[in-house]
């Protein structure tokens, strides 16, 4: 309860570590500066999760996002025809998601009353590294997924990704924001104990965004934070991120990108 409270406090969304490259802040909750672009990116993310799940089509399927934040991914799934909803521990996040048209509820996923074997796909982005009790959540997931359902999670690849090698002095392996660290082997064991079988994994990330954060960090130290946070600065960063997509594909091919994506199904044992 006490640890969970970190992620329900307003301070989580304003940052714990202002002098670190990673401020410790939570997801963006404000109105998107470019709504059409944000909506498009949400649809791309939904398609990516569907590809990782191995499910043939999203239309008509029940999808739940754990830790939905502003609801961009939930909206992406709904735009593709899914019966999608989200849950988040932070009231601020749920209010933002509902404001943006996403179906979302406040609370813990493991406490929701969901019928057994009624969900096709459960997704979570950058959430499980914050959880103290993965067991209760995993048991609820195994109980509520259909026999052919899937769980797809994205967690930081802090132990084996390139960030640890290149940015060891300034990157973000910083408790209490991350209370758990994953690799493929420990994820297989942790979730396997609770009825979920690992069937696929890959890495992904945004090297342009990482380099942009490094630049913004240096600009803050030089007193130029207003420039990096300005509209032209943000647009320049977005363009740089898109230009780096080929590099992202190459890094992911070697399994060394900044995020680990893991796909599970209910165990047949």
C-alpha atoms as a PDB file:
ATOM      1  CA  UNK A   1       0.000   0.000   0.000  1.00  0.00           C
ATOM      2  CA  UNK A   2       2.709   2.485   0.991  1.00  0.00           C
ATOM      3  CA  UNK A   3       4.813   1.739  -2.096  1.00  0.00           C
ATOM      4  CA  UNK A   4       1.782   1.917  -4.375  1.00  0.00           C
ATOM      5  CA  UNK A   5       1.064   5.336  -2.932  1.00  0.00           C
ATOM      6  CA  UNK A   6       4.134   6.740  -4.713  1.00  0.00           C
ATOM      7  CA  UNK A   7       2.321   6.391  -8.019  1.00  0.00           C
ATOM      8  CA  UNK A   8      -0.915   7.943  -6.778  1.00  0.00           C
ATOM      9  CA  UNK A   9       0.715  11.162  -5.521  1.00  0.00           C
ATOM     10  CA  UNK A  10       0.901  14.373  -7.577  1.00  0.00           C
ATOM     11  CA  UNK A  11       4.675  14.437  -6.971  1.00  0.00           C
ATOM     12  CA  UNK A  12       5.009  11.383  -9.210  1.00  0.00           C
ATOM     13  CA  UNK A  13       3.894  13.472 -12.173  1.00  0.00           C
ATOM     14  CA  UNK A  14       6.252  16.362 -11.443  1.00  0.00           C
ATOM     15  CA  UNK A  15       9.438  14.385 -10.782  1.00  0.00           C
ATOM     16  CA  UNK A  16      11.560  13.088  -7.949  1.00  0.00           C
ATOM     17  CA  UNK A  17      15.010  13.663  -9.439  1.00  0.00           C
ATOM     18  CA  UNK A  18      15.220  17.101 -11.099  1.00  0.00           C
ATOM     19  CA  UNK A  19      19.020  16.893 -11.496  1.00  0.00           C
ATOM     20  CA  UNK A  20      18.993  13.411 -13.042  1.00  0.00           C
ATOM     21  CA  UNK A  21      18.502  12.760 -16.741  1.00  0.00           C
ATOM     22  CA  UNK A  22      15.306  10.932 -15.789  1.00  0.00           C
ATOM     23  CA  UNK A  23      13.198  13.205 -13.608  1.00  0.00           C
ATOM     24  CA  UNK A  24      11.120  10.363 -12.188  1.00  0.00           C
ATOM     25  CA  UNK A  25       7.934  11.917 -13.519  1.00  0.00           C
ATOM     26  CA  UNK A  26       4.950   9.876 -14.586  1.00  0.00           C
ATOM     27  CA  UNK A  27       3.145   9.783 -17.938  1.00  0.00           C
ATOM     28  CA  UNK A  28       2.018  12.915 -19.755  1.00  0.00           C
ATOM     29  CA  UNK A  29      -1.552  13.744 -18.775  1.00  0.00           C
ATOM     30  CA  UNK A  30      -2.153  17.073 -20.473  1.00  0.00           C
ATOM     31  CA  UNK A  31      -3.931  17.780 -23.735  1.00  0.00           C
ATOM     32  CA  UNK A  32      -1.744  16.592 -26.654  1.00  0.00           C
ATOM     33  CA  UNK A  33      -0.006  19.402 -28.518  1.00  0.00           C
ATOM     34  CA  UNK A  34      -0.657  17.551 -31.793  1.00  0.00           C
ATOM     35  CA  UNK A  35      -3.884  15.552 -31.241  1.00  0.00           C
ATOM     36  CA  UNK A  36      -3.983  13.945 -34.705  1.00  0.00           C
ATOM     37  CA  UNK A  37      -0.361  12.797 -34.393  1.00  0.00           C
ATOM     38  CA  UNK A  38      -0.987  11.442 -30.884  1.00  0.00           C
ATOM     39  CA  UNK A  39      -4.043   9.541 -32.100  1.00  0.00           C
ATOM     40  CA  UNK A  40      -2.069   8.092 -35.005  1.00  0.00           C
ATOM     41  CA  UNK A  41       0.736   7.006 -32.692  1.00  0.00           C
ATOM     42  CA  UNK A  42      -1.815   5.324 -30.410  1.00  0.00           C
ATOM     43  CA  UNK A  43      -3.108   3.310 -33.352  1.00  0.00           C
ATOM     44  CA  UNK A  44       0.431   2.317 -34.350  1.00  0.00           C
ATOM     45  CA  UNK A  45       1.121   1.180 -30.784  1.00  0.00           C
ATOM     46  CA  UNK A  46      -2.091  -0.859 -30.727  1.00  0.00           C
ATOM     47  CA  UNK A  47      -1.112  -2.568 -33.986  1.00  0.00           C
ATOM     48  CA  UNK A  48       2.348  -3.309 -32.580  1.00  0.00           C
ATOM     49  CA  UNK A  49       0.888  -4.938 -29.479  1.00  0.00           C
ATOM     50  CA  UNK A  50      -1.422  -6.994 -31.662  1.00  0.00           C
ATOM     51  CA  UNK A  51       1.532  -8.216 -33.726  1.00  0.00           C
ATOM     52  CA  UNK A  52       3.385  -9.217 -30.571  1.00  0.00           C
ATOM     53  CA  UNK A  53       0.305 -10.992 -29.241  1.00  0.00           C
ATOM     54  CA  UNK A  54      -0.005 -13.174 -32.330  1.00  0.00           C
ATOM     55  CA  UNK A  55      -3.772 -12.667 -32.335  1.00  0.00           C
ATOM     56  CA  UNK A  56      -5.113 -12.402 -35.885  1.00  0.00           C
ATOM     57  CA  UNK A  57      -7.434  -9.427 -35.490  1.00  0.00           C
ATOM     58  CA  UNK A  58      -8.345  -6.854 -32.843  1.00  0.00           C
ATOM     59  CA  UNK A  59     -11.901  -6.128 -33.961  1.00  0.00           C
ATOM     60  CA  UNK A  60     -14.469  -7.121 -31.369  1.00  0.00           C
ATOM     61  CA  UNK A  61     -11.855  -8.374 -28.917  1.00  0.00           C
ATOM     62  CA  UNK A  62     -11.820  -7.316 -25.287  1.00  0.00           C
ATOM     63  CA  UNK A  63      -8.586  -5.515 -24.429  1.00  0.00           C
ATOM     64  CA  UNK A  64      -7.512  -4.106 -21.055  1.00  0.00           C
ATOM     65  CA  UNK A  65      -4.509  -1.870 -20.467  1.00  0.00           C
ATOM     66  CA  UNK A  66      -2.984  -1.912 -16.982  1.00  0.00           C
ATOM     67  CA  UNK A  67      -1.623   1.525 -16.121  1.00  0.00           C
ATOM     68  CA  UNK A  68      -3.399   3.310 -18.961  1.00  0.00           C
ATOM     69  CA  UNK A  69      -2.207   6.841 -18.158  1.00  0.00           C
ATOM     70  CA  UNK A  70      -3.821   9.372 -20.481  1.00  0.00           C
ATOM     71  CA  UNK A  71      -5.486   6.590 -22.464  1.00  0.00           C
ATOM     72  CA  UNK A  72      -3.684   7.023 -25.794  1.00  0.00           C
ATOM     73  CA  UNK A  73      -3.238   3.278 -26.295  1.00  0.00           C
ATOM     74  CA  UNK A  74      -6.805   2.514 -25.189  1.00  0.00           C
ATOM     75  CA  UNK A  75      -8.054   5.002 -27.782  1.00  0.00           C
ATOM     76  CA  UNK A  76      -5.761   3.391 -30.360  1.00  0.00           C
ATOM     77  CA  UNK A  77      -7.310  -0.027 -29.751  1.00  0.00           C
ATOM     78  CA  UNK A  78     -10.826   1.417 -29.855  1.00  0.00           C
ATOM     79  CA  UNK A  79     -10.056   3.149 -33.159  1.00  0.00           C
ATOM     80  CA  UNK A  80      -9.144  -0.288 -34.533  1.00  0.00           C
ATOM     81  CA  UNK A  81     -12.456  -1.782 -33.420  1.00  0.00           C
ATOM     82  CA  UNK A  82     -11.566  -3.375 -30.085  1.00  0.00           C
ATOM     83  CA  UNK A  83     -13.643  -3.276 -26.909  1.00  0.00           C
ATOM     84  CA  UNK A  84     -10.810  -1.565 -25.040  1.00  0.00           C
ATOM     85  CA  UNK A  85     -10.605  -0.103 -21.556  1.00  0.00           C
ATOM     86  CA  UNK A  86      -7.930   0.844 -19.054  1.00  0.00           C
ATOM     87  CA  UNK A  87      -7.228   0.910 -15.340  1.00  0.00           C
ATOM     88  CA  UNK A  88      -4.821   3.155 -13.463  1.00  0.00           C
ATOM     89  CA  UNK A  89      -3.847   3.666  -9.851  1.00  0.00           C
ATOM     90  CA  UNK A  90      -3.650   7.451 -10.204  1.00  0.00           C
ATOM     91  CA  UNK A  91      -6.896   9.415 -10.168  1.00  0.00           C
ATOM     92  CA  UNK A  92      -5.206  12.110 -12.288  1.00  0.00           C
ATOM     93  CA  UNK A  93      -4.508   9.575 -15.014  1.00  0.00           C
ATOM     94  CA  UNK A  94      -8.054   8.201 -15.063  1.00  0.00           C
ATOM     95  CA  UNK A  95      -9.518  11.715 -15.223  1.00  0.00           C
ATOM     96  CA  UNK A  96      -7.211  12.543 -18.148  1.00  0.00           C
ATOM     97  CA  UNK A  97      -8.070   9.293 -19.953  1.00  0.00           C
ATOM     98  CA  UNK A  98     -11.800   9.903 -19.600  1.00  0.00           C
ATOM     99  CA  UNK A  99     -11.361  13.486 -20.783  1.00  0.00           C
ATOM    100  CA  UNK A 100      -9.669  12.178 -23.918  1.00  0.00           C
ATOM    101  CA  UNK A 101     -12.476   9.725 -24.632  1.00  0.00           C
ATOM    102  CA  UNK A 102     -10.958   6.513 -23.239  1.00  0.00           C
ATOM    103  CA  UNK A 103     -12.928   4.135 -21.039  1.00  0.00           C
ATOM    104  CA  UNK A 104     -10.944   3.913 -17.801  1.00  0.00           C
ATOM    105  CA  UNK A 105     -11.451   3.089 -14.123  1.00  0.00           C
ATOM    106  CA  UNK A 106      -9.493   4.032 -11.025  1.00  0.00           C
ATOM    107  CA  UNK A 107      -7.958   1.247  -8.939  1.00  0.00           C
ATOM    108  CA  UNK A 108      -5.716  -1.798  -9.051  1.00  0.00           C
ATOM    109  CA  UNK A 109      -6.210  -4.347 -11.797  1.00  0.00           C
ATOM    110  CA  UNK A 110      -5.959  -7.204  -9.315  1.00  0.00           C
ATOM    111  CA  UNK A 111      -8.957  -5.808  -7.392  1.00  0.00           C
ATOM    112  CA  UNK A 112     -11.300  -5.516 -10.375  1.00  0.00           C
ATOM    113  CA  UNK A 113     -14.250  -7.902 -10.665  1.00  0.00           C
ATOM    114  CA  UNK A 114     -13.662  -9.406 -14.095  1.00  0.00           C
ATOM    115  CA  UNK A 115     -15.328 -12.681 -15.156  1.00  0.00           C
ATOM    116  CA  UNK A 116     -13.020 -15.655 -15.636  1.00  0.00           C
ATOM    117  CA  UNK A 117     -11.655 -16.227 -19.149  1.00  0.00           C
ATOM    118  CA  UNK A 118     -13.349 -13.128 -20.553  1.00  0.00           C
ATOM    119  CA  UNK A 119     -10.411 -11.038 -21.833  1.00  0.00           C
ATOM    120  CA  UNK A 120      -8.594 -11.539 -25.145  1.00  0.00           C
ATOM    121  CA  UNK A 121      -5.593  -9.300 -24.561  1.00  0.00           C
ATOM    122  CA  UNK A 122      -4.052  -7.554 -21.555  1.00  0.00           C
ATOM    123  CA  UNK A 123      -1.277  -5.035 -22.155  1.00  0.00           C
ATOM    124  CA  UNK A 124       0.950  -2.929 -19.938  1.00  0.00           C
ATOM    125  CA  UNK A 125       3.642  -0.415 -20.885  1.00  0.00           C
ATOM    126  CA  UNK A 126       6.345   0.570 -18.398  1.00  0.00           C
ATOM    127  CA  UNK A 127       4.240  -0.593 -15.443  1.00  0.00           C
ATOM    128  CA  UNK A 128       5.517  -3.886 -14.007  1.00  0.00           C
ATOM    129  CA  UNK A 129       8.870  -2.391 -13.001  1.00  0.00           C
ATOM    130  CA  UNK A 130       6.892  -0.298 -10.492  1.00  0.00           C
ATOM    131  CA  UNK A 131       5.002  -3.204  -8.885  1.00  0.00           C
ATOM    132  CA  UNK A 132       5.867  -4.632  -5.494  1.00  0.00           C
ATOM    133  CA  UNK A 133       3.436  -7.570  -5.745  1.00  0.00           C
ATOM    134  CA  UNK A 134       3.600  -9.019  -9.252  1.00  0.00           C
ATOM    135  CA  UNK A 135       2.078 -12.265  -7.988  1.00  0.00           C
ATOM    136  CA  UNK A 136      -1.440 -10.963  -7.315  1.00  0.00           C
ATOM    137  CA  UNK A 137      -1.547  -9.150 -10.648  1.00  0.00           C
ATOM    138  CA  UNK A 138      -0.271 -12.197 -12.551  1.00  0.00           C
ATOM    139  CA  UNK A 139      -2.806 -14.474 -10.887  1.00  0.00           C
ATOM    140  CA  UNK A 140      -5.627 -12.101 -11.862  1.00  0.00           C
ATOM    141  CA  UNK A 141      -4.318 -11.992 -15.432  1.00  0.00           C
ATOM    142  CA  UNK A 142      -4.148 -15.798 -15.663  1.00  0.00           C
ATOM    143  CA  UNK A 143      -7.679 -16.052 -14.253  1.00  0.00           C
ATOM    144  CA  UNK A 144      -9.272 -13.513 -16.584  1.00  0.00           C
ATOM    145  CA  UNK A 145      -7.528 -14.313 -19.886  1.00  0.00           C
ATOM    146  CA  UNK A 146      -9.281 -16.602 -22.322  1.00  0.00           C
ATOM    147  CA  UNK A 147      -7.546 -19.903 -23.015  1.00  0.00           C
ATOM    148  CA  UNK A 148      -6.177 -18.416 -26.254  1.00  0.00           C
ATOM    149  CA  UNK A 149      -5.695 -14.956 -24.719  1.00  0.00           C
ATOM    150  CA  UNK A 150      -2.408 -13.086 -24.432  1.00  0.00           C
ATOM    151  CA  UNK A 151      -0.543 -10.816 -22.061  1.00  0.00           C
ATOM    152  CA  UNK A 152       1.958  -8.409 -23.668  1.00  0.00           C
ATOM    153  CA  UNK A 153       4.057  -6.229 -21.394  1.00  0.00           C
ATOM    154  CA  UNK A 154       6.777  -3.690 -22.038  1.00  0.00           C
ATOM    155  CA  UNK A 155       9.343  -3.087 -19.299  1.00  0.00           C
ATOM    156  CA  UNK A 156      12.678  -1.234 -19.253  1.00  0.00           C
ATOM    157  CA  UNK A 157      15.574  -3.323 -20.511  1.00  0.00           C
ATOM    158  CA  UNK A 158      17.760  -1.832 -17.786  1.00  0.00           C
ATOM    159  CA  UNK A 159      19.891  -4.920 -17.206  1.00  0.00           C
ATOM    160  CA  UNK A 160      20.836  -5.826 -20.777  1.00  0.00           C
ATOM    161  CA  UNK A 161      20.014  -2.855 -23.013  1.00  0.00           C
ATOM    162  CA  UNK A 162      22.389  -0.291 -24.465  1.00  0.00           C
ATOM    163  CA  UNK A 163      21.458   2.372 -21.892  1.00  0.00           C
ATOM    164  CA  UNK A 164      23.238   0.482 -19.141  1.00  0.00           C
ATOM    165  CA  UNK A 165      26.398   0.301 -21.250  1.00  0.00           C
ATOM    166  CA  UNK A 166      26.412   3.838 -22.639  1.00  0.00           C
ATOM    167  CA  UNK A 167      24.710   5.924 -19.975  1.00  0.00           C
ATOM    168  CA  UNK A 168      25.631   4.145 -16.754  1.00  0.00           C
ATOM    169  CA  UNK A 169      26.492   7.404 -14.993  1.00  0.00           C
ATOM    170  CA  UNK A 170      23.332   9.327 -15.858  1.00  0.00           C
ATOM    171  CA  UNK A 171      20.564   6.912 -16.725  1.00  0.00           C
ATOM    172  CA  UNK A 172      17.635   5.810 -14.666  1.00  0.00           C
ATOM    173  CA  UNK A 173      18.123   2.669 -12.625  1.00  0.00           C
ATOM    174  CA  UNK A 174      16.928   4.696  -9.655  1.00  0.00           C
ATOM    175  CA  UNK A 175      14.740   3.292  -6.864  1.00  0.00           C
ATOM    176  CA  UNK A 176      12.079   3.913  -5.679  1.00  0.00           C
ATOM    177  CA  UNK A 177      10.735   4.697  -9.165  1.00  0.00           C
ATOM    178  CA  UNK A 178      11.793   1.258 -10.437  1.00  0.00           C
ATOM    179  CA  UNK A 179      11.465  -1.353  -7.721  1.00  0.00           C
ATOM    180  CA  UNK A 180      11.964  -4.370  -9.983  1.00  0.00           C
ATOM    181  CA  UNK A 181      14.285  -5.170 -12.910  1.00  0.00           C
ATOM    182  CA  UNK A 182      13.541  -7.721 -15.612  1.00  0.00           C
ATOM    183  CA  UNK A 183      15.339  -9.845 -18.133  1.00  0.00           C
ATOM    184  CA  UNK A 184      13.952 -12.737 -20.176  1.00  0.00           C
ATOM    185  CA  UNK A 185      15.002 -15.438 -17.719  1.00  0.00           C
ATOM    186  CA  UNK A 186      13.641 -13.891 -14.543  1.00  0.00           C
ATOM    187  CA  UNK A 187      10.417 -12.835 -16.301  1.00  0.00           C
ATOM    188  CA  UNK A 188       9.877 -16.437 -17.419  1.00  0.00           C
ATOM    189  CA  UNK A 189      10.212 -17.612 -13.837  1.00  0.00           C
ATOM    190  CA  UNK A 190       8.224 -14.845 -12.143  1.00  0.00           C
ATOM    191  CA  UNK A 191       5.185 -15.062 -14.406  1.00  0.00           C
ATOM    192  CA  UNK A 192       5.483 -18.818 -14.857  1.00  0.00           C
ATOM    193  CA  UNK A 193       4.879 -19.351 -11.151  1.00  0.00           C
ATOM    194  CA  UNK A 194       1.482 -17.733 -11.571  1.00  0.00           C
ATOM    195  CA  UNK A 195       0.152 -19.601 -14.585  1.00  0.00           C
ATOM    196  CA  UNK A 196       1.595 -17.605 -17.487  1.00  0.00           C
ATOM    197  CA  UNK A 197       3.923 -19.064 -20.098  1.00  0.00           C
ATOM    198  CA  UNK A 198       6.439 -16.893 -21.978  1.00  0.00           C
ATOM    199  CA  UNK A 199       6.073 -17.499 -25.725  1.00  0.00           C
ATOM    200  CA  UNK A 200       7.870 -14.571 -27.373  1.00  0.00           C
ATOM    201  CA  UNK A 201      10.109 -11.627 -26.614  1.00  0.00           C
ATOM    202  CA  UNK A 202      11.887  -8.783 -28.359  1.00  0.00           C
ATOM    203  CA  UNK A 203      13.313  -5.366 -27.604  1.00  0.00           C
ATOM    204  CA  UNK A 204      12.245  -1.955 -28.836  1.00  0.00           C
ATOM    205  CA  UNK A 205      12.813   1.675 -28.019  1.00  0.00           C
ATOM    206  CA  UNK A 206      13.404   5.162 -29.248  1.00  0.00           C
ATOM    207  CA  UNK A 207      17.070   6.084 -29.502  1.00  0.00           C
ATOM    208  CA  UNK A 208      16.082   9.509 -30.805  1.00  0.00           C
ATOM    209  CA  UNK A 209      14.087  10.142 -27.655  1.00  0.00           C
ATOM    210  CA  UNK A 210      16.968   8.958 -25.488  1.00  0.00           C
ATOM    211  CA  UNK A 211      19.462  11.238 -27.225  1.00  0.00           C
ATOM    212  CA  UNK A 212      16.925  14.056 -26.994  1.00  0.00           C
ATOM    213  CA  UNK A 213      16.682  13.556 -23.241  1.00  0.00           C
ATOM    214  CA  UNK A 214      20.461  13.618 -22.988  1.00  0.00           C
ATOM    215  CA  UNK A 215      20.466  16.931 -24.888  1.00  0.00           C
ATOM    216  CA  UNK A 216      17.651  18.319 -22.709  1.00  0.00           C
ATOM    217  CA  UNK A 217      19.561  17.277 -19.591  1.00  0.00           C
ATOM    218  CA  UNK A 218      22.622  19.215 -20.731  1.00  0.00           C
ATOM    219  CA  UNK A 219      20.438  22.210 -21.638  1.00  0.00           C
ATOM    220  CA  UNK A 220      18.886  22.207 -18.156  1.00  0.00           C
ATOM    221  CA  UNK A 221      22.357  22.273 -16.670  1.00  0.00           C
ATOM    222  CA  UNK A 222      23.172  25.268 -18.905  1.00  0.00           C
ATOM    223  CA  UNK A 223      19.985  27.098 -17.917  1.00  0.00           C
ATOM    224  CA  UNK A 224      18.307  26.560 -21.295  1.00  0.00           C
ATOM    225  CA  UNK A 225      15.399  24.360 -20.164  1.00  0.00           C
ATOM    226  CA  UNK A 226      12.796  26.777 -21.577  1.00  0.00           C
ATOM    227  CA  UNK A 227      14.238  26.305 -25.049  1.00  0.00           C
ATOM    228  CA  UNK A 228      14.069  22.507 -24.901  1.00  0.00           C
ATOM    229  CA  UNK A 229      10.490  22.662 -23.571  1.00  0.00           C
ATOM    230  CA  UNK A 230       9.279  25.162 -26.181  1.00  0.00           C
ATOM    231  CA  UNK A 231       7.015  24.183 -29.068  1.00  0.00           C
ATOM    232  CA  UNK A 232       9.819  24.489 -31.677  1.00  0.00           C
ATOM    233  CA  UNK A 233      12.085  22.455 -29.435  1.00  0.00           C
ATOM    234  CA  UNK A 234       9.512  19.703 -29.010  1.00  0.00           C
ATOM    235  CA  UNK A 235       8.742  19.631 -32.740  1.00  0.00           C
ATOM    236  CA  UNK A 236      12.444  19.344 -33.508  1.00  0.00           C
ATOM    237  CA  UNK A 237      12.732  16.444 -31.061  1.00  0.00           C
ATOM    238  CA  UNK A 238       9.749  14.663 -32.634  1.00  0.00           C
ATOM    239  CA  UNK A 239      11.341  14.994 -36.071  1.00  0.00           C
ATOM    240  CA  UNK A 240      14.646  13.690 -34.754  1.00  0.00           C
ATOM    241  CA  UNK A 241      12.902  10.701 -33.147  1.00  0.00           C
ATOM    242  CA  UNK A 242      11.277   9.767 -36.454  1.00  0.00           C
ATOM    243  CA  UNK A 243      14.593  10.130 -38.302  1.00  0.00           C
ATOM    244  CA  UNK A 244      16.165   7.625 -35.888  1.00  0.00           C
ATOM    245  CA  UNK A 245      13.613   4.859 -36.558  1.00  0.00           C
ATOM    246  CA  UNK A 246      16.005   2.865 -38.809  1.00  0.00           C
ATOM    247  CA  UNK A 247      18.572   2.855 -35.991  1.00  0.00           C
ATOM    248  CA  UNK A 248      15.856   1.630 -33.618  1.00  0.00           C
ATOM    249  CA  UNK A 249      15.175  -1.357 -35.880  1.00  0.00           C
ATOM    250  CA  UNK A 250      18.870  -2.228 -36.020  1.00  0.00           C
ATOM    251  CA  UNK A 251      19.382  -2.023 -32.248  1.00  0.00           C
ATOM    252  CA  UNK A 252      16.251  -4.099 -31.641  1.00  0.00           C
ATOM    253  CA  UNK A 253      17.495  -6.750 -34.067  1.00  0.00           C
ATOM    254  CA  UNK A 254      20.421  -7.355 -31.734  1.00  0.00           C
ATOM    255  CA  UNK A 255      18.136  -7.472 -28.685  1.00  0.00           C
ATOM    256  CA  UNK A 256      19.817  -4.473 -27.096  1.00  0.00           C
ATOM    257  CA  UNK A 257      17.200  -1.747 -27.192  1.00  0.00           C
ATOM    258  CA  UNK A 258      15.898   0.143 -24.185  1.00  0.00           C
ATOM    259  CA  UNK A 259      12.622  -1.735 -23.640  1.00  0.00           C
ATOM    260  CA  UNK A 260      11.942  -5.455 -23.314  1.00  0.00           C
ATOM    261  CA  UNK A 261       8.634  -6.673 -24.763  1.00  0.00           C
ATOM    262  CA  UNK A 262       7.364 -10.009 -23.455  1.00  0.00           C
ATOM    263  CA  UNK A 263       4.386 -12.061 -24.648  1.00  0.00           C
ATOM    264  CA  UNK A 264       2.687 -14.628 -22.406  1.00  0.00           C
ATOM    265  CA  UNK A 265      -0.249 -16.999 -22.676  1.00  0.00           C
ATOM    266  CA  UNK A 266      -2.123 -18.928 -19.987  1.00  0.00           C
ATOM    267  CA  UNK A 267      -0.129 -22.025 -19.101  1.00  0.00           C
ATOM    268  CA  UNK A 268      -1.579 -25.350 -20.196  1.00  0.00           C
ATOM    269  CA  UNK A 269      -0.126 -27.085 -17.109  1.00  0.00           C
END
